[in-house]
Protein backbone atom coordinates (compact mmCIF):
# COMPACT_ATOMS: atom_id res chain seq x y z
CA MET A 1 64.58 127.68 -41.58
CA THR A 2 62.21 130.55 -42.37
CA GLU A 3 60.07 130.09 -45.47
CA ILE A 4 58.92 133.07 -47.49
CA VAL A 5 55.33 133.62 -48.53
CA HIS A 6 55.19 136.12 -51.37
CA LEU A 7 52.40 138.68 -51.61
CA GLY A 8 51.76 140.25 -54.99
CA ILE A 9 51.26 144.00 -54.74
CA TYR A 10 50.14 146.37 -57.50
CA ASP A 11 48.20 149.57 -58.01
CA LEU A 12 44.58 149.50 -56.77
CA LEU A 13 45.27 146.44 -54.61
CA ALA A 14 42.18 145.78 -52.44
CA ASP A 15 43.64 146.43 -48.97
CA TRP A 16 41.12 144.39 -46.95
CA GLU A 17 41.48 141.13 -48.83
CA THR A 18 44.82 139.82 -47.54
CA GLY A 19 45.24 141.59 -44.19
CA HIS A 20 44.09 138.65 -42.08
CA ALA A 21 46.48 136.30 -43.84
CA THR A 22 49.58 138.48 -43.88
CA SER A 23 49.22 139.81 -40.35
CA GLN A 24 49.05 136.30 -38.93
CA LEU A 25 51.82 134.88 -41.11
CA ASN A 26 54.13 137.55 -39.69
CA ASN A 27 52.94 136.91 -36.12
CA ASP A 28 54.30 133.98 -34.09
CA GLU A 29 51.18 133.67 -31.90
CA PHE A 30 49.32 130.36 -32.15
CA GLN A 31 51.64 128.97 -34.84
CA ARG A 32 52.60 125.29 -34.92
CA GLU A 33 56.19 126.37 -35.65
CA PRO A 34 56.73 130.02 -34.60
CA GLY A 35 58.90 131.90 -37.06
CA ARG A 36 58.47 129.37 -39.86
CA TYR A 37 56.88 131.89 -42.27
CA ARG A 38 57.46 135.50 -43.17
CA VAL A 39 55.86 137.61 -45.89
CA LYS A 40 57.70 139.51 -48.62
CA THR A 41 56.04 141.70 -51.23
CA VAL A 42 56.58 141.46 -54.97
CA GLY A 43 55.59 144.03 -57.58
CA LEU A 44 55.71 144.13 -61.35
CA THR A 45 58.83 146.22 -60.71
CA ARG A 46 60.44 147.57 -57.56
CA ASP A 47 58.64 150.89 -58.04
CA PRO A 48 56.17 151.89 -55.29
CA ILE A 49 52.52 150.99 -55.76
CA THR A 50 49.39 152.66 -54.39
CA THR A 51 46.61 150.53 -52.96
CA MET A 52 42.89 151.15 -53.31
CA GLY A 53 43.06 152.67 -49.83
CA ALA A 54 45.76 155.11 -51.01
CA LEU A 55 48.59 153.40 -49.08
CA ARG A 56 51.99 153.61 -50.75
CA ILE A 57 54.04 150.40 -50.58
CA VAL A 58 57.53 149.69 -51.93
CA PRO A 59 57.90 146.06 -53.10
CA ASP A 60 60.66 143.90 -51.64
CA LEU A 61 61.41 142.48 -55.07
CA ALA A 62 60.27 142.61 -58.69
CA LEU A 63 58.28 139.86 -60.36
CA ASP A 64 61.15 138.82 -62.64
CA GLU A 65 63.23 138.16 -59.50
CA LEU A 66 60.67 135.75 -58.04
CA ASP A 67 61.58 132.06 -58.23
CA PRO A 68 58.94 129.49 -57.17
CA ALA A 69 61.73 127.35 -55.72
CA GLU A 70 62.39 130.10 -53.17
CA SER A 71 58.76 130.53 -52.12
CA ALA A 72 56.25 128.70 -49.92
CA MET A 73 53.23 130.32 -51.60
CA LEU A 74 52.19 133.19 -53.84
CA ILE A 75 49.21 135.24 -52.59
CA LEU A 76 47.40 137.47 -55.08
CA PRO A 77 44.87 140.09 -53.88
CA GLY A 78 42.20 141.64 -56.04
CA SER A 79 42.54 144.82 -58.05
CA ASP A 80 40.54 146.39 -60.88
CA ASN A 81 43.72 146.02 -62.94
CA TRP A 82 43.20 142.26 -63.21
CA VAL A 83 40.20 142.70 -65.49
CA ALA A 84 42.01 145.47 -67.35
CA GLY A 85 44.70 142.93 -68.24
CA THR A 86 47.68 144.84 -66.90
CA LEU A 87 48.47 142.15 -64.32
CA THR A 88 48.79 139.26 -66.80
CA PRO A 89 52.47 138.75 -65.81
CA PHE A 90 51.28 137.77 -62.32
CA GLY A 91 48.93 135.21 -63.88
CA ASP A 92 51.85 133.83 -65.88
CA LYS A 93 53.96 133.63 -62.71
CA ALA A 94 51.11 131.84 -60.92
CA ARG A 95 51.17 129.26 -63.69
CA ASP A 96 54.92 128.78 -63.10
CA PHE A 97 54.24 128.29 -59.38
CA VAL A 98 51.59 125.63 -59.97
CA ALA A 99 53.82 123.83 -62.47
CA ALA A 100 56.57 123.79 -59.83
CA GLY A 101 54.21 122.38 -57.17
CA VAL A 102 54.13 125.59 -55.13
CA PRO A 103 50.64 126.74 -54.03
CA VAL A 104 48.93 129.91 -55.20
CA ALA A 105 46.11 131.77 -53.42
CA ALA A 106 43.91 134.29 -55.26
CA ILE A 107 40.98 136.37 -54.08
CA CYS A 108 38.43 138.55 -55.87
CA GLY A 109 39.87 140.02 -59.10
CA ALA A 110 42.94 137.81 -58.88
CA THR A 111 40.71 134.78 -59.53
CA PHE A 112 39.93 136.39 -62.89
CA GLY A 113 43.66 136.43 -63.57
CA LEU A 114 44.00 132.75 -62.70
CA ALA A 115 41.04 131.93 -64.93
CA ALA A 116 42.56 133.88 -67.83
CA ALA A 117 45.83 131.98 -67.28
CA GLY A 118 44.02 128.64 -67.61
CA LEU A 119 44.57 127.63 -64.00
CA LEU A 120 40.87 127.17 -63.20
CA ASP A 121 39.87 125.19 -66.29
CA ASP A 122 40.11 121.79 -64.60
CA ARG A 123 39.99 122.38 -60.83
CA GLU A 124 37.32 123.33 -58.32
CA HIS A 125 37.28 127.05 -57.57
CA THR A 126 35.14 129.98 -56.51
CA SER A 127 35.14 133.73 -57.11
CA ASN A 128 32.88 136.76 -56.83
CA HIS A 129 30.27 135.25 -59.17
CA PRO A 130 30.27 132.75 -62.08
CA ASP A 131 29.49 135.54 -64.56
CA PHE A 132 32.55 137.47 -63.40
CA LEU A 133 34.87 134.62 -64.41
CA ALA A 134 32.94 133.91 -67.61
CA HIS A 135 34.27 137.19 -69.05
CA SER A 136 37.81 135.79 -68.79
CA GLY A 137 37.02 133.32 -71.58
CA TYR A 138 38.05 130.37 -69.43
CA ALA A 139 36.78 126.81 -69.81
CA GLY A 140 36.24 125.94 -66.16
CA ALA A 141 32.65 127.01 -65.48
CA ALA A 142 31.63 123.42 -64.64
CA HIS A 143 34.12 123.45 -61.77
CA TYR A 144 32.78 126.62 -60.14
CA ARG A 145 31.60 126.14 -56.56
CA GLU A 146 29.36 128.37 -54.44
CA ALA A 147 31.61 128.50 -51.35
CA ASP A 148 33.27 131.08 -49.12
CA ALA A 149 36.62 129.76 -50.31
CA VAL A 150 38.04 126.70 -52.05
CA GLY A 151 41.32 125.30 -50.75
CA GLY A 152 44.12 123.13 -52.08
CA ASP A 153 47.13 123.94 -54.20
CA VAL A 154 45.16 126.72 -55.91
CA ILE A 155 43.12 128.62 -53.31
CA THR A 156 40.30 130.90 -54.44
CA ALA A 157 37.83 133.15 -52.63
CA SER A 158 35.35 135.95 -53.16
CA GLY A 159 36.42 139.48 -52.29
CA THR A 160 33.90 139.46 -49.44
CA GLU A 161 35.54 136.46 -47.76
CA PRO A 162 39.00 137.55 -46.55
CA VAL A 163 38.71 135.45 -43.36
CA ALA A 164 37.82 132.26 -45.22
CA PHE A 165 40.61 133.05 -47.68
CA ALA A 166 43.10 133.29 -44.81
CA ARG A 167 41.72 130.07 -43.32
CA GLU A 168 42.52 128.14 -46.51
CA ILE A 169 45.99 129.69 -46.70
CA PHE A 170 46.69 128.64 -43.12
CA ARG A 171 45.31 125.16 -43.77
CA ARG A 172 47.50 124.66 -46.85
CA LEU A 173 50.62 125.89 -45.03
CA ASP A 174 49.84 123.75 -41.95
CA PHE A 175 50.12 126.98 -40.01
CA TYR A 176 47.87 126.20 -37.02
CA SER A 177 46.69 122.93 -35.52
CA PRO A 178 43.20 121.97 -36.79
CA GLU A 179 41.70 122.92 -33.43
CA LEU A 180 43.30 126.38 -33.36
CA LEU A 181 42.49 126.98 -37.02
CA ASP A 182 38.84 126.30 -36.25
CA ALA A 183 38.98 128.62 -33.23
CA TRP A 184 40.70 131.36 -35.21
CA PHE A 185 38.06 131.17 -37.93
CA ARG A 186 35.18 131.21 -35.43
CA LEU A 187 36.65 134.25 -33.71
CA TYR A 188 37.14 136.36 -36.84
CA SER A 189 34.14 135.19 -38.85
CA GLN A 190 31.57 134.80 -36.06
CA SER A 191 32.96 136.89 -33.14
CA ASP A 192 32.71 133.75 -30.99
CA PRO A 193 34.01 134.67 -27.49
CA ALA A 194 34.68 130.99 -26.69
CA ALA A 195 37.10 130.91 -29.62
CA PHE A 196 39.01 133.87 -28.18
CA TYR A 197 39.52 132.10 -24.87
CA GLN A 198 40.58 128.91 -26.67
CA LEU A 199 43.24 130.83 -28.57
CA ALA A 200 44.37 132.72 -25.45
CA ALA A 201 44.71 129.48 -23.50
CA SER A 202 46.99 128.06 -26.18
CA VAL A 203 49.72 130.64 -25.45
CA GLN A 204 49.59 130.57 -21.67
């Protein structure tokens, strides 16, 4: 049965931060179980949003329609609106997901939202910079890690690490075999030609 991964979308969404993850989740190539996952978008409402790159997207559903029990993961991209506080409802929903045992993945500004929601107070995490999260007023500075991404049930990454962010999403969802996950990451983070041929051989 197909499982739905939900992608939060909102005005000034940083287009580049989730493209690697969503394009692969909706692509059967290399997957352990082709067709297992599909992505649906969720907005504060069902009204169209405009990304930082000026793309207009109509959400599949509104945030108040989103039930963690009907989701495999909630992915939250960055946006300047996280620091402005207008996306707090997504932080509250992320807290509901974690309480229900459903993973959440946040990158760039969305990590600020998780920090403000108290989700990073007692777990290892990363972000754009420790000072960036400090402005959220959170209590988790001792758990900050200098890393491209931190995985687990709450995935975090810097806005400059969309490939590592996708890697941790795929790892948590058991999306690729460990060998293909390593090859995928080497291809897109290091342009390793050997990784390309390893991936190509897996679908022949």
